[in-house]
């Protein structure tokens, strides 16, 4: 841990960290926009995205509005083992690396150790649930869609802490504010 805190960093370091953390905010926004485009943050659309359209649902007559909506969205097929493996492979590398970088920045703050450990644990659980959710939805039960919601809440909370605690300490906290 730095002895003087992030508020005492040279302005060049503060600007570098601020740019990085700002890009992380944009990356999170794009990630959630991508998730919204696939699922509309709807449990039913999330299940449909991973499990595909059921034959019996295709035979049920729809209202003109629902029929138009389904035509615009297209037909959904169950995600294959290979598709899930590909997404998992990408995310199992990228999420921990991003969390590691953010946690090292947070480690430089004068935040209490208990809060740091809590944020680290919350982000770890968020990653595990986020990686397992597609598999559980597709192969165990569509009811596991709740794991996506829980993982998103955990990741939003931890990313918020990883980003805003260092920003606060760099730009708004002073030496006399230290606990």
N, C-alpha and C. Protein backbone atom coordinates (compact mmCIF):
# COMPACT_ATOMS: atom_id res chain seq x y z
N UNK A 1 0.85 -1.17 0.00
CA UNK A 1 0.00 0.00 0.00
C UNK A 1 0.90 1.23 0.00
N UNK A 2 0.49 2.23 -0.74
CA UNK A 2 1.27 3.47 -0.80
C UNK A 2 1.14 4.20 0.52
N UNK A 3 2.24 4.77 1.00
CA UNK A 3 2.21 5.42 2.29
C UNK A 3 1.50 6.77 2.24
N UNK A 4 1.55 7.47 1.12
CA UNK A 4 0.97 8.80 1.05
C UNK A 4 -0.41 8.84 0.43
N UNK A 5 -0.89 7.78 -0.12
CA UNK A 5 -2.21 7.74 -0.72
C UNK A 5 -2.22 8.25 -2.15
N UNK A 6 -3.29 7.95 -2.85
CA UNK A 6 -3.39 8.32 -4.26
C UNK A 6 -3.55 9.83 -4.45
N UNK A 7 -4.02 10.52 -3.42
CA UNK A 7 -4.17 11.97 -3.54
C UNK A 7 -2.83 12.67 -3.73
N UNK A 8 -1.73 11.99 -3.33
CA UNK A 8 -0.40 12.61 -3.44
C UNK A 8 0.34 12.22 -4.72
N UNK A 9 -0.29 11.46 -5.60
CA UNK A 9 0.35 11.07 -6.86
C UNK A 9 0.63 12.30 -7.72
N UNK A 10 1.66 12.23 -8.54
CA UNK A 10 1.89 13.31 -9.51
C UNK A 10 0.67 13.41 -10.45
N UNK A 11 0.41 14.60 -10.95
CA UNK A 11 -0.74 14.83 -11.81
C UNK A 11 -0.74 13.90 -13.02
N UNK A 12 0.44 13.58 -13.56
CA UNK A 12 0.51 12.69 -14.72
C UNK A 12 -0.04 11.31 -14.39
N UNK A 13 0.26 10.80 -13.20
CA UNK A 13 -0.28 9.49 -12.79
C UNK A 13 -1.78 9.56 -12.58
N UNK A 14 -2.24 10.65 -11.96
CA UNK A 14 -3.68 10.81 -11.74
C UNK A 14 -4.43 10.84 -13.07
N UNK A 15 -3.87 11.55 -14.04
CA UNK A 15 -4.52 11.63 -15.35
C UNK A 15 -4.52 10.26 -16.03
N UNK A 16 -3.39 9.54 -15.95
CA UNK A 16 -3.32 8.20 -16.53
C UNK A 16 -4.38 7.28 -15.93
N UNK A 17 -4.42 7.22 -14.58
CA UNK A 17 -5.41 6.36 -13.91
C UNK A 17 -6.83 6.81 -14.23
N UNK A 18 -7.07 8.10 -14.29
CA UNK A 18 -8.41 8.62 -14.59
C UNK A 18 -8.83 8.22 -16.00
N UNK A 19 -7.92 8.32 -16.97
CA UNK A 19 -8.24 7.89 -18.34
C UNK A 19 -8.57 6.40 -18.36
N UNK A 20 -7.73 5.60 -17.70
CA UNK A 20 -7.98 4.15 -17.68
C UNK A 20 -9.34 3.84 -17.05
N UNK A 21 -9.62 4.43 -15.91
CA UNK A 21 -10.88 4.16 -15.22
C UNK A 21 -12.07 4.67 -16.03
N UNK A 22 -11.89 5.76 -16.74
CA UNK A 22 -12.96 6.29 -17.61
C UNK A 22 -13.25 5.32 -18.75
N UNK A 23 -12.20 4.75 -19.33
CA UNK A 23 -12.39 3.76 -20.39
C UNK A 23 -13.10 2.52 -19.84
N UNK A 24 -12.81 2.17 -18.60
CA UNK A 24 -13.50 1.03 -17.97
C UNK A 24 -14.99 1.32 -17.84
N UNK A 25 -15.34 2.56 -17.53
CA UNK A 25 -16.77 2.94 -17.45
C UNK A 25 -17.42 2.76 -18.81
N UNK A 26 -16.75 3.22 -19.87
CA UNK A 26 -17.28 3.07 -21.23
C UNK A 26 -17.39 1.58 -21.59
N UNK A 27 -16.38 0.80 -21.25
CA UNK A 27 -16.40 -0.64 -21.54
C UNK A 27 -17.57 -1.33 -20.84
N UNK A 28 -17.82 -0.95 -19.61
CA UNK A 28 -18.97 -1.51 -18.89
C UNK A 28 -20.27 -1.13 -19.57
N UNK A 29 -20.35 0.12 -19.96
CA UNK A 29 -21.55 0.58 -20.66
C UNK A 29 -21.80 -0.18 -21.95
N UNK A 30 -20.75 -0.40 -22.72
CA UNK A 30 -20.88 -1.15 -23.98
C UNK A 30 -21.26 -2.61 -23.69
N UNK A 31 -20.68 -3.18 -22.65
CA UNK A 31 -21.02 -4.55 -22.27
C UNK A 31 -22.49 -4.69 -21.90
N UNK A 32 -22.98 -3.74 -21.13
CA UNK A 32 -24.40 -3.82 -20.75
C UNK A 32 -25.31 -3.49 -21.93
N UNK A 33 -24.88 -2.61 -22.83
CA UNK A 33 -25.66 -2.35 -24.04
C UNK A 33 -25.74 -3.61 -24.89
N UNK A 34 -24.63 -4.32 -25.01
CA UNK A 34 -24.60 -5.58 -25.75
C UNK A 34 -25.56 -6.59 -25.11
N UNK A 35 -25.51 -6.70 -23.79
CA UNK A 35 -26.41 -7.62 -23.08
C UNK A 35 -27.86 -7.20 -23.28
N UNK A 36 -28.12 -5.89 -23.24
CA UNK A 36 -29.48 -5.39 -23.45
C UNK A 36 -29.97 -5.71 -24.86
N UNK A 37 -29.11 -5.54 -25.85
CA UNK A 37 -29.49 -5.81 -27.24
C UNK A 37 -29.86 -7.28 -27.43
N UNK A 38 -29.19 -8.17 -26.71
CA UNK A 38 -29.49 -9.60 -26.82
C UNK A 38 -30.74 -9.98 -26.04
N UNK A 39 -30.93 -9.36 -24.88
CA UNK A 39 -31.95 -9.86 -23.95
C UNK A 39 -32.99 -8.83 -23.52
N UNK A 40 -32.74 -7.56 -23.75
CA UNK A 40 -33.67 -6.54 -23.27
C UNK A 40 -33.79 -6.54 -21.75
N UNK A 41 -32.81 -7.11 -21.07
CA UNK A 41 -32.83 -7.28 -19.61
C UNK A 41 -34.08 -8.04 -19.16
N UNK A 42 -34.62 -8.86 -20.04
CA UNK A 42 -35.81 -9.65 -19.75
C UNK A 42 -35.39 -11.09 -19.48
N UNK A 43 -35.97 -11.67 -18.43
CA UNK A 43 -35.64 -13.07 -18.13
C UNK A 43 -36.09 -13.98 -19.28
N UNK A 44 -37.26 -13.73 -19.84
CA UNK A 44 -37.76 -14.58 -20.92
C UNK A 44 -36.88 -14.48 -22.17
N UNK A 45 -36.44 -13.26 -22.50
CA UNK A 45 -35.57 -13.10 -23.67
C UNK A 45 -34.19 -13.68 -23.42
N UNK A 46 -33.73 -13.65 -22.18
CA UNK A 46 -32.44 -14.27 -21.85
C UNK A 46 -32.53 -15.79 -22.02
N UNK A 47 -33.60 -16.36 -21.52
CA UNK A 47 -33.82 -17.81 -21.67
C UNK A 47 -33.92 -18.16 -23.16
N UNK A 48 -34.66 -17.36 -23.90
CA UNK A 48 -34.82 -17.59 -25.34
C UNK A 48 -33.47 -17.50 -26.05
N UNK A 49 -32.64 -16.54 -25.64
CA UNK A 49 -31.33 -16.36 -26.26
C UNK A 49 -30.46 -17.61 -26.09
N UNK A 50 -30.49 -18.22 -24.91
CA UNK A 50 -29.64 -19.38 -24.66
C UNK A 50 -30.30 -20.71 -25.02
N UNK A 51 -31.60 -20.82 -24.84
CA UNK A 51 -32.29 -22.09 -25.07
C UNK A 51 -32.99 -22.18 -26.42
N UNK A 52 -33.12 -21.04 -27.10
CA UNK A 52 -33.78 -21.04 -28.40
C UNK A 52 -35.29 -21.01 -28.28
N UNK A 53 -35.93 -20.95 -29.44
CA UNK A 53 -37.39 -20.97 -29.51
C UNK A 53 -37.88 -22.40 -29.38
N UNK A 54 -38.90 -22.59 -28.58
CA UNK A 54 -39.50 -23.91 -28.41
C UNK A 54 -40.54 -24.12 -29.51
N UNK A 55 -40.67 -25.36 -29.97
CA UNK A 55 -41.62 -25.66 -31.05
C UNK A 55 -43.04 -25.26 -30.68
N UNK A 56 -43.43 -25.54 -29.43
CA UNK A 56 -44.81 -25.24 -29.04
C UNK A 56 -45.06 -23.73 -29.03
N UNK A 57 -44.03 -22.93 -28.74
CA UNK A 57 -44.18 -21.48 -28.77
C UNK A 57 -44.36 -20.99 -30.20
N UNK A 58 -43.76 -21.67 -31.15
CA UNK A 58 -43.86 -21.26 -32.55
C UNK A 58 -45.25 -21.51 -33.11
N UNK A 59 -45.99 -22.47 -32.51
CA UNK A 59 -47.32 -22.82 -33.00
C UNK A 59 -48.41 -21.97 -32.38
N UNK A 60 -48.11 -21.25 -31.31
CA UNK A 60 -49.10 -20.42 -30.63
C UNK A 60 -49.34 -19.16 -31.46
N UNK A 61 -50.60 -18.88 -31.80
CA UNK A 61 -50.88 -17.66 -32.57
C UNK A 61 -50.53 -16.41 -31.74
N UNK A 62 -49.93 -15.44 -32.41
CA UNK A 62 -49.52 -14.21 -31.74
C UNK A 62 -50.35 -13.04 -32.24
N UNK A 63 -50.40 -12.01 -31.42
CA UNK A 63 -51.03 -10.77 -31.88
C UNK A 63 -50.18 -10.20 -33.00
N UNK A 64 -50.74 -9.29 -33.77
CA UNK A 64 -50.00 -8.69 -34.89
C UNK A 64 -48.72 -8.02 -34.40
N UNK A 65 -48.80 -7.35 -33.25
CA UNK A 65 -47.63 -6.66 -32.70
C UNK A 65 -46.55 -7.65 -32.28
N UNK A 66 -46.95 -8.72 -31.56
CA UNK A 66 -45.99 -9.73 -31.13
C UNK A 66 -45.40 -10.48 -32.32
N UNK A 67 -46.24 -10.74 -33.34
CA UNK A 67 -45.76 -11.43 -34.53
C UNK A 67 -44.72 -10.57 -35.25
N UNK A 68 -44.97 -9.27 -35.36
CA UNK A 68 -44.01 -8.36 -35.99
C UNK A 68 -42.71 -8.33 -35.20
N UNK A 69 -42.82 -8.28 -33.86
CA UNK A 69 -41.65 -8.26 -33.00
C UNK A 69 -40.81 -9.52 -33.19
N UNK A 70 -41.48 -10.67 -33.23
CA UNK A 70 -40.75 -11.94 -33.40
C UNK A 70 -40.07 -11.99 -34.77
N UNK A 71 -40.74 -11.48 -35.80
CA UNK A 71 -40.13 -11.45 -37.13
C UNK A 71 -38.89 -10.56 -37.16
N UNK A 72 -38.95 -9.43 -36.47
CA UNK A 72 -37.80 -8.53 -36.41
C UNK A 72 -36.63 -9.16 -35.67
N UNK A 73 -36.94 -9.89 -34.60
CA UNK A 73 -35.88 -10.51 -33.80
C UNK A 73 -35.30 -11.74 -34.49
N UNK A 74 -36.11 -12.44 -35.25
CA UNK A 74 -35.66 -13.64 -35.92
C UNK A 74 -35.86 -14.87 -35.06
N UNK A 75 -35.54 -16.00 -35.62
CA UNK A 75 -35.68 -17.28 -34.95
C UNK A 75 -34.43 -17.53 -34.11
N UNK A 76 -34.61 -17.98 -32.89
CA UNK A 76 -33.49 -18.26 -32.00
C UNK A 76 -33.31 -19.77 -31.86
N UNK A 77 -32.06 -20.20 -31.98
CA UNK A 77 -31.72 -21.61 -31.79
C UNK A 77 -30.94 -21.74 -30.49
N UNK A 78 -31.05 -22.90 -29.86
CA UNK A 78 -30.30 -23.15 -28.64
C UNK A 78 -28.82 -22.94 -28.88
N UNK A 79 -28.14 -22.34 -27.91
CA UNK A 79 -26.70 -22.16 -28.02
C UNK A 79 -26.05 -23.54 -27.91
N UNK A 80 -25.13 -23.77 -28.81
CA UNK A 80 -24.45 -25.06 -28.82
C UNK A 80 -23.35 -25.08 -27.77
N UNK A 81 -22.89 -26.27 -27.49
CA UNK A 81 -21.77 -26.46 -26.57
C UNK A 81 -20.57 -25.63 -27.05
N UNK A 82 -20.29 -25.67 -28.34
CA UNK A 82 -19.16 -24.95 -28.92
C UNK A 82 -19.32 -23.43 -28.75
N UNK A 83 -20.54 -22.91 -28.97
CA UNK A 83 -20.77 -21.46 -28.81
C UNK A 83 -20.55 -21.03 -27.36
N UNK A 84 -21.07 -21.82 -26.43
CA UNK A 84 -20.89 -21.49 -25.02
C UNK A 84 -19.42 -21.59 -24.62
N UNK A 85 -18.74 -22.59 -25.14
CA UNK A 85 -17.32 -22.76 -24.84
C UNK A 85 -16.51 -21.57 -25.35
N UNK A 86 -16.84 -21.08 -26.53
CA UNK A 86 -16.14 -19.94 -27.12
C UNK A 86 -16.32 -18.68 -26.27
N UNK A 87 -17.55 -18.41 -25.87
CA UNK A 87 -17.82 -17.23 -25.04
C UNK A 87 -17.15 -17.37 -23.68
N UNK A 88 -17.22 -18.55 -23.10
CA UNK A 88 -16.59 -18.79 -21.80
C UNK A 88 -15.08 -18.61 -21.90
N UNK A 89 -14.49 -19.13 -22.95
CA UNK A 89 -13.04 -19.02 -23.13
C UNK A 89 -12.61 -17.55 -23.16
N UNK A 90 -13.33 -16.73 -23.90
CA UNK A 90 -13.00 -15.31 -23.99
C UNK A 90 -13.16 -14.62 -22.64
N UNK A 91 -14.27 -14.87 -21.98
CA UNK A 91 -14.55 -14.18 -20.73
C UNK A 91 -13.74 -14.69 -19.55
N UNK A 92 -13.34 -15.96 -19.58
CA UNK A 92 -12.59 -16.51 -18.45
C UNK A 92 -11.17 -15.94 -18.40
N UNK A 93 -10.70 -15.42 -19.53
CA UNK A 93 -9.42 -14.71 -19.54
C UNK A 93 -9.62 -13.21 -19.27
N UNK A 94 -10.55 -12.60 -19.96
CA UNK A 94 -10.67 -11.14 -19.91
C UNK A 94 -11.19 -10.62 -18.57
N UNK A 95 -12.23 -11.22 -18.02
CA UNK A 95 -12.78 -10.72 -16.75
C UNK A 95 -11.76 -10.73 -15.61
N UNK A 96 -11.07 -11.83 -15.36
CA UNK A 96 -10.09 -11.81 -14.27
C UNK A 96 -8.93 -10.82 -14.50
N UNK A 97 -8.51 -10.65 -15.74
CA UNK A 97 -7.43 -9.69 -16.00
C UNK A 97 -7.88 -8.27 -15.69
N UNK A 98 -9.07 -7.91 -16.14
CA UNK A 98 -9.60 -6.58 -15.86
C UNK A 98 -9.77 -6.39 -14.35
N UNK A 99 -10.34 -7.38 -13.68
CA UNK A 99 -10.54 -7.29 -12.23
C UNK A 99 -9.18 -7.19 -11.53
N UNK A 100 -8.19 -7.93 -11.99
CA UNK A 100 -6.86 -7.86 -11.39
C UNK A 100 -6.29 -6.45 -11.50
N UNK A 101 -6.36 -5.87 -12.68
CA UNK A 101 -5.84 -4.51 -12.87
C UNK A 101 -6.58 -3.52 -11.97
N UNK A 102 -7.91 -3.61 -11.97
CA UNK A 102 -8.69 -2.69 -11.13
C UNK A 102 -8.41 -2.90 -9.65
N UNK A 103 -8.22 -4.15 -9.25
CA UNK A 103 -7.96 -4.42 -7.82
C UNK A 103 -6.58 -3.90 -7.41
N UNK A 104 -5.62 -3.93 -8.32
CA UNK A 104 -4.29 -3.38 -8.00
C UNK A 104 -4.35 -1.86 -7.85
N UNK A 105 -5.18 -1.21 -8.65
CA UNK A 105 -5.36 0.23 -8.48
C UNK A 105 -6.03 0.51 -7.14
N UNK A 106 -7.06 -0.26 -6.82
CA UNK A 106 -7.75 -0.06 -5.55
C UNK A 106 -6.83 -0.36 -4.37
N UNK A 107 -5.92 -1.31 -4.54
CA UNK A 107 -4.98 -1.64 -3.47
C UNK A 107 -4.10 -0.46 -3.10
N UNK A 108 -3.93 0.48 -4.01
CA UNK A 108 -3.10 1.66 -3.76
C UNK A 108 -3.85 2.72 -2.94
N UNK A 109 -5.13 2.52 -2.71
CA UNK A 109 -5.90 3.50 -1.94
C UNK A 109 -5.77 3.21 -0.45
N UNK A 110 -6.20 4.16 0.35
CA UNK A 110 -6.20 3.99 1.79
C UNK A 110 -7.54 3.48 2.31
N UNK A 111 -8.27 2.80 1.44
CA UNK A 111 -9.54 2.18 1.82
C UNK A 111 -9.27 1.09 2.84
N UNK A 112 -10.19 0.93 3.77
CA UNK A 112 -10.04 -0.11 4.80
C UNK A 112 -9.89 -1.49 4.17
N UNK A 113 -9.06 -2.30 4.79
CA UNK A 113 -8.80 -3.66 4.29
C UNK A 113 -10.08 -4.48 4.19
N UNK A 114 -10.96 -4.34 5.16
CA UNK A 114 -12.21 -5.10 5.13
C UNK A 114 -13.04 -4.79 3.90
N UNK A 115 -13.11 -3.51 3.51
CA UNK A 115 -13.85 -3.13 2.31
C UNK A 115 -13.17 -3.68 1.06
N UNK A 116 -11.84 -3.60 1.02
CA UNK A 116 -11.11 -4.15 -0.13
C UNK A 116 -11.39 -5.64 -0.28
N UNK A 117 -11.28 -6.38 0.81
CA UNK A 117 -11.52 -7.83 0.77
C UNK A 117 -12.95 -8.12 0.32
N UNK A 118 -13.89 -7.34 0.81
CA UNK A 118 -15.30 -7.51 0.42
C UNK A 118 -15.47 -7.29 -1.08
N UNK A 119 -14.90 -6.21 -1.59
CA UNK A 119 -15.01 -5.92 -3.03
C UNK A 119 -14.35 -7.02 -3.85
N UNK A 120 -13.18 -7.49 -3.42
CA UNK A 120 -12.51 -8.58 -4.13
C UNK A 120 -13.40 -9.83 -4.16
N UNK A 121 -13.99 -10.17 -3.02
CA UNK A 121 -14.87 -11.35 -2.95
C UNK A 121 -16.12 -11.20 -3.79
N UNK A 122 -16.72 -10.01 -3.76
CA UNK A 122 -17.93 -9.76 -4.54
C UNK A 122 -17.63 -9.89 -6.04
N UNK A 123 -16.50 -9.34 -6.47
CA UNK A 123 -16.17 -9.43 -7.90
C UNK A 123 -15.86 -10.88 -8.30
N UNK A 124 -15.21 -11.64 -7.42
CA UNK A 124 -14.92 -13.04 -7.71
C UNK A 124 -16.22 -13.83 -7.87
N UNK A 125 -17.17 -13.61 -6.95
CA UNK A 125 -18.47 -14.30 -7.05
C UNK A 125 -19.21 -13.86 -8.31
N UNK A 126 -19.13 -12.58 -8.63
CA UNK A 126 -19.77 -12.08 -9.85
C UNK A 126 -19.23 -12.76 -11.09
N UNK A 127 -17.91 -12.93 -11.14
CA UNK A 127 -17.29 -13.60 -12.28
C UNK A 127 -17.75 -15.05 -12.36
N UNK A 128 -17.70 -15.76 -11.24
CA UNK A 128 -18.11 -17.18 -11.25
C UNK A 128 -19.56 -17.34 -11.70
N UNK A 129 -20.45 -16.52 -11.18
CA UNK A 129 -21.86 -16.62 -11.57
C UNK A 129 -22.06 -16.22 -13.03
N UNK A 130 -21.34 -15.20 -13.49
CA UNK A 130 -21.47 -14.73 -14.86
C UNK A 130 -20.99 -15.79 -15.85
N UNK A 131 -19.91 -16.49 -15.51
CA UNK A 131 -19.39 -17.53 -16.39
C UNK A 131 -20.26 -18.79 -16.38
N UNK A 132 -20.85 -19.08 -15.24
CA UNK A 132 -21.64 -20.31 -15.15
C UNK A 132 -23.08 -20.13 -15.62
N UNK A 133 -23.61 -18.92 -15.61
CA UNK A 133 -25.02 -18.69 -15.94
C UNK A 133 -25.44 -19.26 -17.30
N UNK A 134 -24.72 -18.99 -18.39
CA UNK A 134 -25.16 -19.55 -19.68
C UNK A 134 -25.24 -21.07 -19.68
N UNK A 135 -24.27 -21.72 -19.05
CA UNK A 135 -24.25 -23.18 -18.99
C UNK A 135 -25.42 -23.70 -18.17
N UNK A 136 -25.67 -23.06 -17.04
CA UNK A 136 -26.77 -23.50 -16.18
C UNK A 136 -28.12 -23.30 -16.86
N UNK A 137 -28.30 -22.16 -17.51
CA UNK A 137 -29.56 -21.88 -18.21
C UNK A 137 -29.77 -22.90 -19.32
N UNK A 138 -28.74 -23.14 -20.08
CA UNK A 138 -28.86 -24.01 -21.26
C UNK A 138 -28.98 -25.48 -20.90
N UNK A 139 -28.19 -25.95 -19.93
CA UNK A 139 -28.13 -27.39 -19.69
C UNK A 139 -28.77 -27.87 -18.39
N UNK A 140 -28.99 -26.99 -17.42
CA UNK A 140 -29.61 -27.42 -16.16
C UNK A 140 -31.08 -27.02 -16.11
N UNK A 141 -31.34 -25.72 -16.09
CA UNK A 141 -32.73 -25.25 -16.02
C UNK A 141 -32.79 -23.77 -16.39
N UNK A 142 -33.80 -23.38 -17.14
CA UNK A 142 -33.97 -21.95 -17.45
C UNK A 142 -34.13 -21.09 -16.19
N UNK A 143 -34.50 -21.71 -15.08
CA UNK A 143 -34.66 -20.96 -13.83
C UNK A 143 -33.34 -20.36 -13.34
N UNK A 144 -32.23 -20.87 -13.85
CA UNK A 144 -30.93 -20.32 -13.47
C UNK A 144 -30.67 -18.95 -14.10
N UNK A 145 -31.65 -18.43 -14.81
CA UNK A 145 -31.52 -17.08 -15.38
C UNK A 145 -31.26 -16.06 -14.26
N UNK A 146 -31.71 -16.37 -13.07
CA UNK A 146 -31.49 -15.47 -11.93
C UNK A 146 -29.99 -15.30 -11.65
N UNK A 147 -29.17 -16.29 -12.02
CA UNK A 147 -27.73 -16.16 -11.79
C UNK A 147 -27.14 -15.00 -12.59
N UNK A 148 -27.70 -14.74 -13.78
CA UNK A 148 -27.24 -13.58 -14.56
C UNK A 148 -27.57 -12.28 -13.83
N UNK A 149 -28.78 -12.20 -13.31
CA UNK A 149 -29.17 -10.99 -12.59
C UNK A 149 -28.28 -10.77 -11.38
N UNK A 150 -28.06 -11.82 -10.62
CA UNK A 150 -27.20 -11.72 -9.43
C UNK A 150 -25.78 -11.35 -9.83
N UNK A 151 -25.26 -12.01 -10.87
CA UNK A 151 -23.88 -11.72 -11.29
C UNK A 151 -23.75 -10.28 -11.77
N UNK A 152 -24.74 -9.78 -12.48
CA UNK A 152 -24.69 -8.40 -12.95
C UNK A 152 -24.72 -7.41 -11.79
N UNK A 153 -25.53 -7.68 -10.80
CA UNK A 153 -25.57 -6.81 -9.61
C UNK A 153 -24.22 -6.82 -8.90
N UNK A 154 -23.66 -8.01 -8.70
CA UNK A 154 -22.36 -8.12 -8.03
C UNK A 154 -21.25 -7.42 -8.82
N UNK A 155 -21.27 -7.60 -10.14
CA UNK A 155 -20.23 -6.97 -10.96
C UNK A 155 -20.40 -5.45 -11.02
N UNK A 156 -21.62 -4.97 -11.09
CA UNK A 156 -21.84 -3.52 -11.09
C UNK A 156 -21.35 -2.92 -9.77
N UNK A 157 -21.70 -3.55 -8.66
CA UNK A 157 -21.26 -3.04 -7.35
C UNK A 157 -19.73 -3.04 -7.24
N UNK A 158 -19.11 -4.15 -7.64
CA UNK A 158 -17.65 -4.23 -7.49
C UNK A 158 -16.95 -3.28 -8.46
N UNK A 159 -17.40 -3.22 -9.72
CA UNK A 159 -16.79 -2.29 -10.66
C UNK A 159 -16.99 -0.86 -10.20
N UNK A 160 -18.15 -0.56 -9.64
CA UNK A 160 -18.37 0.78 -9.10
C UNK A 160 -17.35 1.13 -8.04
N UNK A 161 -17.10 0.19 -7.13
CA UNK A 161 -16.11 0.42 -6.07
C UNK A 161 -14.70 0.54 -6.67
N UNK A 162 -14.36 -0.36 -7.59
CA UNK A 162 -13.03 -0.34 -8.20
C UNK A 162 -12.76 0.98 -8.93
N UNK A 163 -13.79 1.56 -9.50
CA UNK A 163 -13.61 2.78 -10.29
C UNK A 163 -13.73 4.03 -9.43
N UNK A 164 -14.78 4.11 -8.61
CA UNK A 164 -15.05 5.39 -7.94
C UNK A 164 -14.25 5.62 -6.67
N UNK A 165 -13.84 4.57 -5.97
CA UNK A 165 -12.99 4.76 -4.79
C UNK A 165 -11.64 5.38 -5.17
N UNK A 166 -10.92 4.82 -6.17
CA UNK A 166 -9.66 5.48 -6.56
C UNK A 166 -9.86 6.89 -7.12
N UNK A 167 -10.91 7.09 -7.91
CA UNK A 167 -11.16 8.44 -8.45
C UNK A 167 -11.40 9.44 -7.32
N UNK A 168 -12.20 9.02 -6.35
CA UNK A 168 -12.46 9.91 -5.21
C UNK A 168 -11.16 10.23 -4.48
N UNK A 169 -10.37 9.19 -4.21
CA UNK A 169 -9.15 9.42 -3.45
C UNK A 169 -8.14 10.27 -4.22
N UNK A 170 -8.06 10.09 -5.53
CA UNK A 170 -7.10 10.88 -6.31
C UNK A 170 -7.49 12.36 -6.40
N UNK A 171 -8.77 12.61 -6.57
CA UNK A 171 -9.18 13.97 -6.91
C UNK A 171 -9.87 14.74 -5.79
N UNK A 172 -10.43 14.06 -4.79
CA UNK A 172 -11.21 14.76 -3.78
C UNK A 172 -10.72 14.58 -2.35
N UNK A 173 -9.98 13.54 -2.10
CA UNK A 173 -9.50 13.28 -0.74
C UNK A 173 -8.18 14.01 -0.53
N UNK A 174 -8.01 14.51 0.65
CA UNK A 174 -6.74 15.16 1.00
C UNK A 174 -6.11 14.40 2.15
N UNK A 175 -4.86 14.72 2.43
CA UNK A 175 -4.10 14.02 3.47
C UNK A 175 -4.83 14.08 4.81
N UNK A 176 -5.45 15.19 5.13
CA UNK A 176 -6.13 15.30 6.44
C UNK A 176 -7.43 14.51 6.49
N UNK A 177 -7.93 14.01 5.31
CA UNK A 177 -9.14 13.18 5.29
C UNK A 177 -8.81 11.72 5.62
N UNK A 178 -7.54 11.38 5.63
CA UNK A 178 -7.13 9.98 5.82
C UNK A 178 -7.58 9.48 7.20
N UNK A 179 -8.04 8.24 7.19
CA UNK A 179 -8.53 7.65 8.43
C UNK A 179 -7.41 7.02 9.21
